[in-house]
Amino acid sequence: MLNEDLSFKYLIKEPQSKKSKSPLLILLHGFGSNESDLHSFANYLPENHYIVSIRAPFKLASGGFAWYNISFDNDMNKFNDHDQAKDSINMILSFIDELSNKYLIDNDNVSLLGFSQGTILSYALCLNYPEKFKNIIGFSGYIDEAMINVKSIDIDYSKLNLYISHGKNDPVIPVDWARKSIEILKNNKINYSFNEFNSGHTISPENFYDFKNWLESN
């Protein structure tokens, strides 16, 4: 059932036992999709977590939703609306506080799972606010360097643990973009696991079970 009582519309699967505070895993869908997409994973994710899938704030003409708009010039160069992205980042941070006030959430165990544009937002959130997150799962995305500041020597990334995956045949976001992002993680000594799969812009069954095993061990 769609929940509309907080600043984002969202779907939630609550942990089986709620006697104490529980980990939170937030799902961020891709461009043009909605909260139902990644929520299909919920029954396969750890039962001791709050699983919350949220709807992005910007409605598209197609009927789907986005965390920020994308535009192209005459040469098909792609441009991200960074002002909208910043708004989404701030809204997600506030939404986590709202969830913490409503549910028994362990604020020291908050994780993100994103696909495509949702991964780009997840990267921006964890690299700008690493103290707020534990595990980051990113499918088919990349680091947009205009959204982050990884150059500050005062930022401590030691708590972060990232699982990144990408399809070798992705026609939407080239795998080279993901590989470049991994170099940024490596240069900043951020703990990560990176795997490529023989797939396109999707989450293959092999990819899903690989990530599931990773999550259960972290």
Protein backbone atom coordinates (compact mmCIF):
# COMPACT_ATOMS: atom_id res chain seq x y z
CA MET A 1 0.00 0.00 0.00
CA LEU A 2 1.31 3.43 -0.94
CA ASN A 3 2.05 5.61 2.08
CA GLU A 4 1.50 9.38 1.76
CA ASP A 5 1.96 10.53 5.36
CA LEU A 6 5.54 11.83 4.95
CA SER A 7 7.26 14.17 2.49
CA PHE A 8 7.81 11.36 -0.06
CA LYS A 9 5.25 8.85 -1.22
CA TYR A 10 6.68 5.45 -0.31
CA LEU A 11 6.19 1.71 0.06
CA ILE A 12 7.47 0.00 3.19
CA LYS A 13 8.15 -3.54 4.33
CA GLU A 14 8.67 -3.55 8.07
CA PRO A 15 10.93 -6.01 9.92
CA GLN A 16 9.35 -9.13 11.38
CA SER A 17 10.47 -8.18 14.87
CA LYS A 18 10.24 -4.56 16.04
CA LYS A 19 11.21 -4.95 19.70
CA SER A 20 14.30 -2.81 19.15
CA LYS A 21 15.63 -0.45 16.52
CA SER A 22 16.21 -2.03 13.11
CA PRO A 23 18.39 -1.26 10.07
CA LEU A 24 16.91 0.84 7.25
CA LEU A 25 17.40 0.18 3.55
CA ILE A 26 16.10 2.87 1.19
CA LEU A 27 15.45 2.01 -2.47
CA LEU A 28 15.93 4.72 -5.13
CA HIS A 29 14.48 3.88 -8.52
CA GLY A 30 15.76 4.92 -11.94
CA PHE A 31 14.76 7.75 -14.28
CA GLY A 32 11.18 7.39 -15.51
CA SER A 33 10.26 4.64 -13.07
CA ASN A 34 8.48 4.69 -9.70
CA GLU A 35 8.52 3.29 -6.18
CA SER A 36 7.00 -0.07 -7.22
CA ASP A 37 9.97 -1.06 -9.37
CA LEU A 38 12.67 -1.87 -6.82
CA HIS A 39 10.11 -2.70 -4.13
CA SER A 40 9.67 -6.03 -5.94
CA PHE A 41 12.96 -6.98 -4.25
CA ALA A 42 11.61 -6.41 -0.75
CA ASN A 43 10.60 -10.00 0.01
CA TYR A 44 14.09 -11.20 -0.88
CA LEU A 45 15.96 -8.72 1.30
CA PRO A 46 16.95 -9.19 4.98
CA GLU A 47 13.88 -9.65 7.17
CA ASN A 48 15.35 -7.61 10.03
CA HIS A 49 15.41 -4.41 7.91
CA TYR A 50 12.92 -1.68 7.22
CA ILE A 51 12.76 -1.70 3.40
CA VAL A 52 11.48 1.64 2.10
CA SER A 53 11.04 2.38 -1.60
CA ILE A 54 10.39 6.05 -2.34
CA ARG A 55 8.92 7.87 -5.33
CA ALA A 56 11.16 10.53 -6.89
CA PRO A 57 9.74 14.07 -6.67
CA PHE A 58 9.77 15.19 -10.30
CA LYS A 59 6.98 13.89 -12.52
CA LEU A 60 7.77 13.32 -16.19
CA ALA A 61 5.47 13.71 -19.16
CA SER A 62 5.70 9.95 -19.66
CA GLY A 63 4.01 9.42 -16.31
CA GLY A 64 7.13 8.20 -14.54
CA PHE A 65 9.27 10.06 -12.03
CA ALA A 66 12.84 11.35 -11.76
CA TRP A 67 15.26 12.55 -9.10
CA TYR A 68 16.34 15.24 -11.58
CA ASN A 69 15.70 16.01 -15.23
CA ILE A 70 18.06 15.14 -18.07
CA SER A 71 18.51 17.22 -21.23
CA PHE A 72 20.48 16.85 -24.44
CA ASP A 73 22.01 19.37 -26.84
CA ASN A 74 22.04 19.13 -30.64
CA ASP A 75 25.04 16.81 -30.51
CA MET A 76 23.25 14.54 -28.02
CA ASN A 77 25.54 15.52 -25.16
CA LYS A 78 23.79 14.75 -21.89
CA PHE A 79 23.22 17.28 -19.11
CA ASN A 80 21.96 16.58 -15.60
CA ASP A 81 19.90 19.19 -13.75
CA HIS A 82 22.20 19.56 -10.74
CA ASP A 83 19.90 22.01 -8.95
CA GLN A 84 17.12 19.43 -8.97
CA ALA A 85 19.58 16.73 -7.91
CA LYS A 86 20.64 18.86 -4.95
CA ASP A 87 16.99 19.35 -4.00
CA SER A 88 16.42 15.58 -4.13
CA ILE A 89 19.50 14.93 -1.99
CA ASN A 90 18.32 17.36 0.69
CA MET A 91 14.80 15.95 0.57
CA ILE A 92 16.08 12.40 1.05
CA LEU A 93 18.16 13.45 4.05
CA SER A 94 15.09 15.09 5.61
CA PHE A 95 12.97 12.06 4.76
CA ILE A 96 15.37 9.78 6.66
CA ASP A 97 14.82 11.97 9.72
CA GLU A 98 11.06 11.69 9.21
CA LEU A 99 11.30 7.90 9.02
CA SER A 100 13.41 7.84 12.18
CA ASN A 101 10.74 9.82 14.02
CA LYS A 102 7.96 7.49 12.84
CA TYR A 103 9.61 4.05 12.98
CA LEU A 104 12.10 2.23 15.24
CA ILE A 105 15.09 2.80 12.97
CA ASP A 106 18.74 2.33 13.87
CA ASN A 107 20.28 5.59 12.65
CA ASP A 108 23.73 4.00 12.68
CA ASN A 109 22.60 1.39 10.16
CA VAL A 110 21.07 3.23 7.20
CA SER A 111 21.81 1.94 3.70
CA LEU A 112 20.86 2.87 0.13
CA LEU A 113 20.08 0.76 -2.91
CA GLY A 114 19.83 2.52 -6.25
CA PHE A 115 19.39 1.69 -9.91
CA SER A 116 20.71 3.96 -12.68
CA GLN A 117 19.74 7.53 -11.68
CA GLY A 118 19.02 6.18 -8.22
CA THR A 119 22.62 4.96 -8.07
CA ILE A 120 23.91 8.39 -9.09
CA LEU A 121 21.92 9.90 -6.19
CA SER A 122 23.16 7.16 -3.84
CA TYR A 123 26.76 7.98 -4.75
CA ALA A 124 26.15 11.68 -4.13
CA LEU A 125 24.46 11.05 -0.79
CA CYS A 126 27.10 8.73 0.62
CA LEU A 127 30.13 10.65 -0.67
CA ASN A 128 28.84 13.98 0.63
CA TYR A 129 27.43 12.58 3.90
CA PRO A 130 29.39 9.38 4.61
CA GLU A 131 28.70 9.57 8.33
CA LYS A 132 24.99 8.93 7.67
CA PHE A 133 25.26 5.67 5.72
CA LYS A 134 26.58 2.14 6.06
CA ASN A 135 26.05 0.04 2.92
CA ILE A 136 25.51 1.42 -0.58
CA ILE A 137 24.29 -0.83 -3.40
CA GLY A 138 24.57 0.74 -6.84
CA PHE A 139 23.35 -0.92 -10.05
CA SER A 140 24.08 0.54 -13.49
CA GLY A 141 25.13 4.03 -12.39
CA TYR A 142 28.16 6.27 -12.03
CA ILE A 143 29.58 9.15 -10.00
CA ASP A 144 28.56 12.57 -11.29
CA GLU A 145 31.49 14.59 -9.97
CA ALA A 146 29.49 17.82 -10.14
CA MET A 147 27.25 16.45 -7.36
CA ILE A 148 29.97 15.57 -4.89
CA ASN A 149 33.02 16.83 -3.04
CA VAL A 150 35.54 14.02 -2.54
CA LYS A 151 38.54 16.36 -2.35
CA SER A 152 38.18 17.43 1.26
CA ILE A 153 40.78 15.85 3.52
CA ASP A 154 38.33 16.20 6.40
CA ILE A 155 35.85 13.64 5.05
CA ASP A 156 36.01 10.20 6.70
CA TYR A 157 34.86 7.41 4.37
CA SER A 158 35.97 4.54 6.61
CA LYS A 159 32.39 3.58 7.58
CA LEU A 160 31.18 3.20 4.00
CA ASN A 161 30.88 -0.15 2.27
CA LEU A 162 29.82 -0.15 -1.40
CA TYR A 163 28.58 -2.86 -3.74
CA ILE A 164 28.72 -1.65 -7.34
CA SER A 165 27.71 -3.59 -10.45
CA HIS A 166 27.24 -2.85 -14.12
CA GLY A 167 26.28 -4.60 -17.33
CA LYS A 168 29.12 -4.92 -19.83
CA ASN A 169 26.62 -4.30 -22.64
CA ASP A 170 24.75 -1.37 -21.06
CA PRO A 171 23.54 0.91 -23.91
CA VAL A 172 22.25 3.64 -21.55
CA ILE A 173 25.18 4.20 -19.18
CA PRO A 174 28.43 2.82 -20.62
CA VAL A 175 30.37 0.47 -18.38
CA ASP A 176 33.42 2.73 -18.81
CA TRP A 177 31.58 5.38 -16.76
CA ALA A 178 31.24 2.87 -13.92
CA ARG A 179 34.92 1.94 -14.21
CA LYS A 180 35.91 5.59 -13.96
CA SER A 181 33.78 5.89 -10.82
CA ILE A 182 35.58 2.92 -9.29
CA GLU A 183 38.87 4.77 -9.77
CA ILE A 184 37.44 7.65 -7.72
CA LEU A 185 36.51 5.21 -4.94
CA LYS A 186 39.94 3.63 -5.08
CA ASN A 187 41.74 6.99 -5.00
CA ASN A 188 39.78 7.98 -1.90
CA LYS A 189 40.38 4.61 -0.18
CA ILE A 190 36.67 3.80 -0.02
CA ASN A 191 35.77 0.16 0.60
CA TYR A 192 33.96 -1.33 -2.39
CA SER A 193 33.13 -4.45 -4.35
CA PHE A 194 32.75 -4.06 -8.12
CA ASN A 195 31.39 -6.67 -10.50
CA GLU A 196 30.52 -6.62 -14.18
CA PHE A 197 27.93 -8.87 -15.74
CA ASN A 198 27.08 -9.96 -19.29
CA SER A 199 23.91 -7.86 -19.35
CA GLY A 200 22.55 -4.52 -20.47
CA HIS A 201 20.87 -1.74 -18.47
CA THR A 202 19.18 -4.10 -16.06
CA ILE A 203 19.69 -6.24 -12.97
CA SER A 204 20.23 -9.80 -14.14
CA PRO A 205 19.38 -12.77 -11.89
CA GLU A 206 23.09 -13.48 -11.51
CA ASN A 207 23.68 -9.86 -10.49
CA PHE A 208 20.79 -9.95 -8.01
CA TYR A 209 21.99 -13.05 -6.18
CA ASP A 210 25.55 -11.77 -6.13
CA PHE A 211 24.42 -8.54 -4.43
CA LYS A 212 22.08 -10.44 -2.08
CA ASN A 213 24.97 -12.61 -0.87
CA TRP A 214 27.09 -9.48 -0.40
CA LEU A 215 24.38 -7.72 1.62
CA GLU A 216 23.79 -10.73 3.87
CA SER A 217 27.51 -10.87 4.67
CA ASN A 218 27.70 -7.16 5.52
